[in-house]
Amino acid sequence: MTAISKKRFRMYRIAILIVVLLGIIFYPKLKLLFQADQGKKSGSSTANQNLRNKEQILLASGYIIEPVTMNELIKSTGTLIPDEEVELSFETSGKVVSIFFTEGSHVKKGELLAKINDKPLQAQLLKLQAQLKLSLDREFRQRQLLESDAISRESYDQTATELQSIEADIMLIEARISETELRAPFDGLVGLRMISEGAYATTQTRIVSLVKTSPLKVEFSIPERYAGKVSPGFPISFVIDGVQKTFQAKVYAVDPKVDQETRTIAVRALYPNRNEELKPGRFVSVGVLFSERDSAIAIPSEAVIPEMEGEKVYIYKNGITEEVKLTLGLRTESHVEVIKGLHFGDTLLTTAILQLRQNIPIRLDTLIRNSYQEKSLP
């Protein structure tokens, strides 16, 4: 081996020793850095997996189903109308000589309310009554003569006809005199008078309105599908704005025809209004109760998912969702009755309806008890 070769061999050996020494010195530090980097990657992967799992769990609200009382109740709007109402006018024309009623007072049937001048008619009546007396005497004498065959039957018949004619004329005058009198056709309240004494009235002149307010009629409408359920005697209830009371009435008439524009049926009920505390013309909110069911299952309508095969809902069970097919019954404005499918104690899911599927994990953010209770009154 030459000197140059030996020198190169020594240099290679020294370089290898240096590399080994450096490896011995820096290997622990490099190992720690590698382990730390692997730990970060593993931790990041675990966190991402936990996040994905967390994202898969839906948040939803629900409540525990409990027995309630559910009513098939429809609500409608109506109007109070008087039992009887009329605008009073004279049957003939003339000067008003007397007014006997006080505005806003009660009057009885047949009571004289106002009077037109009837002096010419009274004079004609007196004249006819005088003629009647003479005709009666003449008829009496003629009848006696006829019985003794002193006169012919034709002479007697002529006298009797004259008597009947005078009696008919008296009846006509009396009828015309009655037309000058304005009388109440029924018991009720008179309104504000529209004429004064001394004014000239015609058959078109409105004198006063007469209203019978006891009882009052409640007029309202119901959907046509309930046509067969309402009949005379059916009870209803109604309320009025500003009056802290619920009133009871009974149906007395149902229109036999359905309104083609609104597809409803007009109904009228009677309220006694004995104390006349209610006035006709007021707006009322009517409630008609068709049926009432105790221990029913009522769920919000928005929780029901319609399908081609029927309706379904999702319930919360052991941390996951469960699909339940339903058979429905009564419906109200906000709830629907479940006849088959759900049971008392089930937890119905009421939110995140569009995201719900069978057997997916669920976490309840709100859990309440079913507080639904349909009232039978409007």
Protein backbone atom coordinates (compact mmCIF):
# COMPACT_ATOMS: atom_id res chain seq x y z
CA MET A 1 0.00 0.00 0.00
CA THR A 2 1.44 3.30 -0.99
CA ALA A 3 1.69 6.31 1.29
CA ILE A 4 -1.08 8.11 -0.59
CA SER A 5 -3.47 5.17 -0.19
CA LYS A 6 -2.77 4.92 3.49
CA LYS A 7 -3.45 8.64 3.90
CA ARG A 8 -6.81 8.37 2.10
CA PHE A 9 -7.83 5.34 4.22
CA ARG A 10 -7.15 7.27 7.41
CA MET A 11 -9.26 10.20 6.19
CA TYR A 12 -12.23 7.92 5.33
CA ARG A 13 -12.07 6.27 8.73
CA ILE A 14 -11.96 9.63 10.49
CA ALA A 15 -15.01 10.84 8.47
CA ILE A 16 -16.98 7.72 9.36
CA LEU A 17 -16.16 8.15 13.04
CA ILE A 18 -17.31 11.77 12.92
CA VAL A 19 -20.64 10.77 11.30
CA VAL A 20 -21.21 8.05 13.91
CA LEU A 21 -20.45 10.46 16.74
CA LEU A 22 -22.85 13.05 15.32
CA GLY A 23 -25.54 10.39 14.95
CA ILE A 24 -25.04 9.30 18.56
CA ILE A 25 -25.35 12.91 19.73
CA PHE A 26 -28.41 14.08 17.70
CA TYR A 27 -30.45 10.81 17.47
CA PRO A 28 -32.44 11.29 20.77
CA LYS A 29 -33.44 14.81 19.78
CA LEU A 30 -34.54 13.74 16.31
CA LYS A 31 -36.53 10.87 17.84
CA LEU A 32 -38.39 13.23 20.17
CA LEU A 33 -39.19 15.61 17.31
CA PHE A 34 -40.53 12.74 15.21
CA GLN A 35 -42.72 11.44 18.05
CA ALA A 36 -44.11 14.94 18.67
CA ASP A 37 -44.96 15.34 15.02
CA GLN A 38 -46.71 11.97 14.95
CA GLY A 39 -48.63 12.91 18.09
CA LYS A 40 -49.85 16.11 16.49
CA LYS A 41 -51.03 14.27 13.41
CA SER A 42 -52.77 11.61 15.51
CA GLY A 43 -54.42 14.25 17.72
CA SER A 44 -55.61 16.19 14.70
CA SER A 45 -57.07 13.03 13.15
CA THR A 46 -58.87 12.15 16.40
CA ALA A 47 -60.25 15.66 16.78
CA ASN A 48 -61.49 15.62 13.19
CA GLN A 49 -63.14 12.26 13.77
CA ASN A 50 -64.80 13.54 16.97
CA LEU A 51 -65.97 16.64 15.10
CA ARG A 52 -67.45 14.52 12.33
CA ASN A 53 -69.22 12.36 14.89
CA LYS A 54 -70.47 15.46 16.64
CA GLU A 55 -71.74 16.89 13.37
CA GLN A 56 -73.73 13.70 12.70
CA ILE A 57 -75.73 14.07 15.96
CA LEU A 58 -78.77 16.28 15.35
CA LEU A 59 -80.19 18.67 17.89
CA ALA A 60 -83.97 18.51 18.20
CA SER A 61 -86.78 19.50 20.53
CA GLY A 62 -89.64 17.39 21.70
CA TYR A 63 -92.12 16.78 24.44
CA ILE A 64 -93.52 13.88 26.33
CA ILE A 65 -97.01 12.94 25.18
CA GLU A 66 -99.63 13.00 27.92
CA PRO A 67 -103.43 12.49 27.84
CA VAL A 68 -105.42 15.64 27.06
CA THR A 69 -109.02 16.63 26.40
CA MET A 70 -109.50 17.36 22.72
CA ASN A 71 -112.53 19.05 21.21
CA GLU A 72 -113.86 19.21 17.69
CA LEU A 73 -114.48 22.91 17.94
CA ILE A 74 -115.01 25.32 15.06
CA LYS A 75 -114.95 29.08 15.46
CA SER A 76 -116.89 31.55 13.39
CA THR A 77 -117.82 35.20 13.38
CA GLY A 78 -121.39 36.38 13.64
CA THR A 79 -123.72 39.28 14.30
CA LEU A 80 -126.43 39.93 16.84
CA ILE A 81 -129.71 40.80 15.16
CA PRO A 82 -133.03 41.71 16.80
CA ASP A 83 -135.81 39.18 17.09
CA GLU A 84 -138.11 41.64 15.30
CA GLU A 85 -137.38 44.99 13.67
CA VAL A 86 -139.51 47.38 11.64
CA GLU A 87 -139.46 50.94 10.36
CA LEU A 88 -142.86 52.41 11.21
CA SER A 89 -144.78 54.65 8.81
CA PHE A 90 -148.38 55.75 8.42
CA GLU A 91 -150.66 53.92 6.00
CA THR A 92 -152.09 57.20 4.73
CA SER A 93 -151.01 60.79 4.26
CA GLY A 94 -151.86 63.75 6.46
CA LYS A 95 -150.78 66.22 9.09
CA VAL A 96 -149.29 64.74 12.28
CA VAL A 97 -151.34 66.08 15.18
CA SER A 98 -149.99 63.98 18.10
CA ILE A 99 -146.94 61.91 19.07
CA PHE A 100 -147.44 59.73 22.13
CA PHE A 101 -144.15 57.83 22.58
CA THR A 102 -140.86 58.77 24.27
CA GLU A 103 -137.72 58.08 22.30
CA GLY A 104 -135.82 55.00 23.51
CA SER A 105 -138.71 53.74 25.67
CA HIS A 106 -140.50 50.41 25.84
CA VAL A 107 -143.89 50.11 24.18
CA LYS A 108 -146.50 47.38 24.20
CA LYS A 109 -148.15 45.73 21.25
CA GLY A 110 -151.11 47.81 20.04
CA GLU A 111 -150.01 50.95 21.88
CA LEU A 112 -150.80 54.22 20.02
CA LEU A 113 -147.59 55.94 18.96
CA ALA A 114 -148.68 58.80 16.69
CA LYS A 115 -151.81 60.27 15.12
CA ILE A 116 -152.68 61.99 11.83
CA ASN A 117 -155.55 64.52 11.53
CA ASP A 118 -158.76 62.53 11.01
CA LYS A 119 -161.46 65.19 11.57
CA PRO A 120 -162.95 64.88 8.04
CA LEU A 121 -163.21 61.13 8.49
CA GLN A 122 -164.76 61.51 11.94
CA ALA A 123 -167.39 63.82 10.44
CA GLN A 124 -168.19 61.27 7.74
CA LEU A 125 -168.46 58.61 10.42
CA LEU A 126 -170.98 60.66 12.42
CA LYS A 127 -173.07 61.20 9.29
CA LEU A 128 -173.10 57.51 8.49
CA GLN A 129 -173.92 56.57 12.08
CA ALA A 130 -176.98 58.87 11.90
CA GLN A 131 -178.06 57.28 8.63
CA LEU A 132 -177.52 53.87 10.17
CA LYS A 133 -179.96 54.63 12.99
CA LEU A 134 -182.67 55.65 10.53
CA SER A 135 -181.95 52.65 8.33
CA LEU A 136 -182.22 50.28 11.29
CA ASP A 137 -185.61 51.69 12.25
CA ARG A 138 -186.83 51.46 8.66
CA GLU A 139 -185.62 47.87 8.34
CA PHE A 140 -187.41 46.94 11.59
CA ARG A 141 -190.72 48.38 10.39
CA GLN A 142 -190.40 46.84 6.95
CA ARG A 143 -189.71 43.44 8.48
CA GLN A 144 -192.88 43.63 10.60
CA LEU A 145 -194.92 44.62 7.54
CA LEU A 146 -193.40 41.76 5.58
CA GLU A 147 -194.37 39.30 8.29
CA SER A 148 -198.00 40.51 8.05
CA ASP A 149 -197.87 40.45 4.26
CA ALA A 150 -198.45 44.21 4.11
CA ILE A 151 -195.53 44.78 1.72
CA SER A 152 -193.79 42.77 -0.92
CA ARG A 153 -190.55 40.91 -0.44
CA GLU A 154 -188.87 43.21 -2.96
CA SER A 155 -189.61 46.31 -0.88
CA TYR A 156 -188.09 44.70 2.22
CA ASP A 157 -184.98 43.54 0.35
CA GLN A 158 -184.36 47.07 -0.90
CA THR A 159 -184.49 48.44 2.63
CA ALA A 160 -182.18 45.67 3.93
CA THR A 161 -179.69 46.38 1.15
CA GLU A 162 -179.59 50.06 2.04
CA LEU A 163 -178.86 49.10 5.67
CA GLN A 164 -175.99 46.80 4.64
CA SER A 165 -174.57 49.51 2.39
CA ILE A 166 -174.50 52.01 5.26
CA GLU A 167 -172.86 49.43 7.55
CA ALA A 168 -170.20 48.77 4.90
CA ASP A 169 -169.55 52.50 4.52
CA ILE A 170 -169.10 52.79 8.30
CA MET A 171 -166.59 49.91 8.28
CA LEU A 172 -164.68 51.61 5.44
CA ILE A 173 -164.52 54.92 7.30
CA GLU A 174 -163.42 53.20 10.50
CA ALA A 175 -160.66 51.43 8.54
CA ARG A 176 -159.52 54.74 7.08
CA ILE A 177 -159.54 56.28 10.56
CA SER A 178 -157.36 53.41 11.84
CA GLU A 179 -154.86 54.21 9.07
CA THR A 180 -154.36 57.61 10.67
CA GLU A 181 -153.18 55.90 13.86
CA LEU A 182 -149.65 54.52 14.20
CA ARG A 183 -149.65 51.58 16.64
CA ALA A 184 -146.89 49.23 17.82
CA PRO A 185 -147.11 45.85 16.04
CA PHE A 186 -145.22 44.09 18.85
CA ASP A 187 -143.54 44.72 22.21
CA GLY A 188 -140.19 46.42 21.90
CA LEU A 189 -138.03 49.52 22.10
CA VAL A 190 -138.69 52.57 19.98
CA GLY A 191 -135.73 54.44 18.57
CA LEU A 192 -135.31 58.08 17.67
CA ARG A 193 -138.31 59.76 16.03
CA MET A 194 -137.80 61.27 12.61
CA ILE A 195 -140.77 63.67 12.54
CA SER A 196 -142.39 66.31 14.70
CA GLU A 197 -145.97 67.29 15.42
CA GLY A 198 -147.38 69.55 12.70
CA ALA A 199 -145.34 67.92 9.93
CA TYR A 200 -147.02 66.43 6.88
CA ALA A 201 -146.42 62.70 6.64
CA THR A 202 -146.86 60.37 3.68
CA THR A 203 -146.75 56.60 3.42
CA GLN A 204 -143.02 56.94 2.62
CA THR A 205 -142.22 59.08 5.67
CA ARG A 206 -140.25 57.18 8.30
CA ILE A 207 -141.64 57.94 11.75
CA VAL A 208 -139.61 55.72 14.12
CA SER A 209 -137.97 52.30 14.31
CA LEU A 210 -139.26 49.59 16.63
CA VAL A 211 -136.89 46.82 17.76
CA LYS A 212 -137.52 43.72 19.83
CA THR A 213 -134.31 42.92 21.70
CA SER A 214 -135.46 40.06 23.88
CA PRO A 215 -134.61 37.51 22.64
CA LEU A 216 -131.74 38.27 20.25
CA LYS A 217 -130.74 36.23 17.22
CA VAL A 218 -127.13 35.18 16.64
CA GLU A 219 -126.43 34.80 12.93
CA PHE A 220 -123.23 33.02 11.80
CA SER A 221 -121.96 30.52 9.22
CA ILE A 222 -120.37 27.08 9.41
CA PRO A 223 -118.43 25.07 6.78
CA GLU A 224 -120.63 22.92 4.58
CA ARG A 225 -119.08 19.65 5.85
CA TYR A 226 -120.83 20.24 9.19
CA ALA A 227 -124.25 20.61 7.59
CA GLY A 228 -125.58 17.36 9.02
CA LYS A 229 -124.27 17.98 12.53
CA VAL A 230 -126.16 21.19 13.37
CA SER A 231 -129.92 21.15 13.87
CA PRO A 232 -132.48 23.11 15.92
CA GLY A 233 -131.67 22.85 19.62
CA PHE A 234 -127.89 22.53 19.09
CA PRO A 235 -126.02 24.58 21.77
CA ILE A 236 -123.43 27.21 20.87
CA SER A 237 -121.42 29.79 22.81
CA PHE A 238 -120.24 33.26 21.89
CA VAL A 239 -118.20 36.13 23.28
CA ILE A 240 -118.18 39.85 22.61
CA ASP A 241 -115.21 42.23 22.71
CA GLY A 242 -115.16 44.20 25.93
CA VAL A 243 -117.51 41.84 27.78
CA GLN A 244 -115.88 39.42 30.22
CA LYS A 245 -118.52 36.75 29.88
CA THR A 246 -119.32 33.76 27.70
CA PHE A 247 -122.91 33.61 26.49
CA GLN A 248 -124.89 30.48 25.67
CA ALA A 249 -127.47 30.19 22.90
CA LYS A 250 -129.35 27.48 21.00
CA VAL A 251 -129.75 27.03 17.27
CA TYR A 252 -133.33 27.47 16.08
CA ALA A 253 -132.90 27.53 12.29
CA VAL A 254 -130.42 26.30 9.65
CA ASP A 255 -130.46 27.57 6.08
CA PRO A 256 -131.27 24.63 3.78
CA LYS A 257 -128.99 25.98 1.04
CA VAL A 258 -125.18 26.20 0.86
CA ASP A 259 -123.75 29.55 -0.18
CA GLN A 260 -121.99 28.84 -3.49
CA GLU A 261 -119.45 31.63 -3.04
CA THR A 262 -118.30 30.91 0.51
CA ARG A 263 -119.29 27.20 0.68
CA THR A 264 -120.84 27.81 4.09
CA ILE A 265 -124.27 27.43 5.63
CA ALA A 266 -126.03 30.23 7.49
CA VAL A 267 -127.22 29.37 11.00
CA ARG A 268 -129.29 31.32 13.50
CA ALA A 269 -129.45 30.81 17.24
CA LEU A 270 -131.52 32.46 19.97
CA TYR A 271 -130.11 34.15 23.06
CA PRO A 272 -132.78 35.07 25.71
CA ASN A 273 -131.25 38.49 26.55
CA ARG A 274 -133.80 38.82 29.35
CA ASN A 275 -132.03 41.78 30.92
CA GLU A 276 -131.43 43.36 27.50
CA GLU A 277 -127.72 43.71 28.33
CA LEU A 278 -126.73 43.04 24.70
CA LYS A 279 -127.58 45.32 21.81
CA PRO A 280 -128.34 44.13 18.27
CA GLY A 281 -125.79 44.81 15.58
CA ARG A 282 -122.75 43.83 17.66
CA PHE A 283 -119.98 41.59 16.30
CA VAL A 284 -119.56 38.25 18.10
CA SER A 285 -117.10 35.33 18.05
CA VAL A 286 -119.02 32.06 17.96
CA GLY A 287 -117.79 28.64 19.09
CA VAL A 288 -119.54 25.44 18.00
CA LEU A 289 -118.48 22.31 19.88
CA PHE A 290 -119.28 19.11 17.97
CA SER A 291 -117.52 16.50 20.11
CA GLU A 292 -115.20 16.21 23.10
CA ARG A 293 -112.73 13.39 23.78
CA ASP A 294 -110.96 12.73 27.05
CA SER A 295 -107.54 11.06 27.31
CA ALA A 296 -106.70 11.82 23.70
CA ILE A 297 -103.29 12.14 22.08
CA ALA A 298 -102.94 15.57 20.47
CA ILE A 299 -99.76 16.53 18.61
CA PRO A 300 -98.78 19.72 16.75
CA SER A 301 -99.72 19.67 13.08
CA GLU A 302 -96.22 20.78 12.05
CA ALA A 303 -94.72 17.58 13.49
CA VAL A 304 -96.71 15.41 11.06
CA ILE A 305 -94.92 14.43 7.82
CA PRO A 306 -97.35 13.64 4.97
CA GLU A 307 -96.47 10.85 2.53
CA MET A 308 -98.17 8.95 -0.26
CA GLU A 309 -98.83 6.04 2.07
CA GLY A 310 -100.11 8.24 4.89
CA GLU A 311 -98.73 10.38 7.70
CA LYS A 312 -95.78 9.71 9.97
CA VAL A 313 -93.78 11.28 12.80
CA TYR A 314 -90.44 10.65 14.47
CA ILE A 315 -90.00 9.89 18.15
CA TYR A 316 -86.91 9.89 20.35
CA LYS A 317 -85.98 6.45 21.68
CA ASN A 318 -82.67 5.37 23.26
CA GLY A 319 -80.77 8.26 21.70
CA ILE A 320 -81.89 7.64 18.12
CA THR A 321 -84.91 8.41 15.97
CA GLU A 322 -87.72 6.00 15.29
CA GLU A 323 -90.25 6.41 12.49
CA VAL A 324 -93.90 5.88 13.43
CA LYS A 325 -96.87 5.59 11.04
CA LEU A 326 -100.05 7.35 12.21
CA THR A 327 -103.81 7.06 11.99
CA LEU A 328 -105.26 10.53 12.55
CA GLY A 329 -108.61 11.70 13.91
CA LEU A 330 -109.87 15.15 14.89
CA ARG A 331 -108.15 18.26 13.61
CA THR A 332 -108.04 21.74 15.12
CA GLU A 333 -106.30 24.93 14.05
CA SER A 334 -102.96 23.86 15.53
CA HIS A 335 -103.20 20.20 16.60
CA VAL A 336 -104.31 16.84 15.31
CA GLU A 337 -105.52 13.79 17.18
CA VAL A 338 -103.60 10.52 16.86
CA ILE A 339 -105.83 7.46 17.01
CA LYS A 340 -103.13 4.87 16.32
CA GLY A 341 -99.33 4.93 16.31
CA LEU A 342 -98.29 6.86 19.40
CA HIS A 343 -98.61 6.07 23.09
CA PHE A 344 -98.58 8.06 26.29
CA GLY A 345 -95.01 8.65 27.42
CA ASP A 346 -93.50 8.75 23.92
CA THR A 347 -91.18 11.67 23.18
CA LEU A 348 -92.26 13.33 19.97
CA LEU A 349 -89.65 15.24 17.95
CA THR A 350 -91.01 18.62 16.91
CA THR A 351 -88.02 20.36 15.30
CA ALA A 352 -85.46 19.53 12.57
CA ILE A 353 -88.27 17.66 10.83
CA LEU A 354 -86.68 17.83 7.37
CA GLN A 355 -83.38 16.36 8.61
CA LEU A 356 -84.88 13.45 10.50
CA ARG A 357 -84.32 9.90 9.21
CA GLN A 358 -84.71 6.44 10.68
CA ASN A 359 -82.11 5.42 13.30
CA ILE A 360 -79.98 8.55 13.35
CA PRO A 361 -78.47 9.84 16.61
CA ILE A 362 -80.37 12.67 18.29
CA ARG A 363 -79.60 14.94 21.19
CA LEU A 364 -82.54 16.77 22.79
CA ASP A 365 -81.90 20.44 23.43
CA THR A 366 -85.40 21.04 24.81
CA LEU A 367 -87.78 18.58 26.43
CA ILE A 368 -91.20 19.67 27.64
CA ARG A 369 -94.44 17.99 28.51
CA ASN A 370 -97.44 18.17 26.24
CA SER A 371 -99.41 21.18 27.51
CA TYR A 372 -102.06 21.20 24.79
CA GLN A 373 -105.59 21.62 26.05
CA GLU A 374 -108.31 22.65 23.57
CA LYS A 375 -110.93 24.89 25.14
CA SER A 376 -114.58 24.34 24.42
CA LEU A 377 -115.33 28.05 24.46
CA PRO A 378 -114.26 30.63 21.89
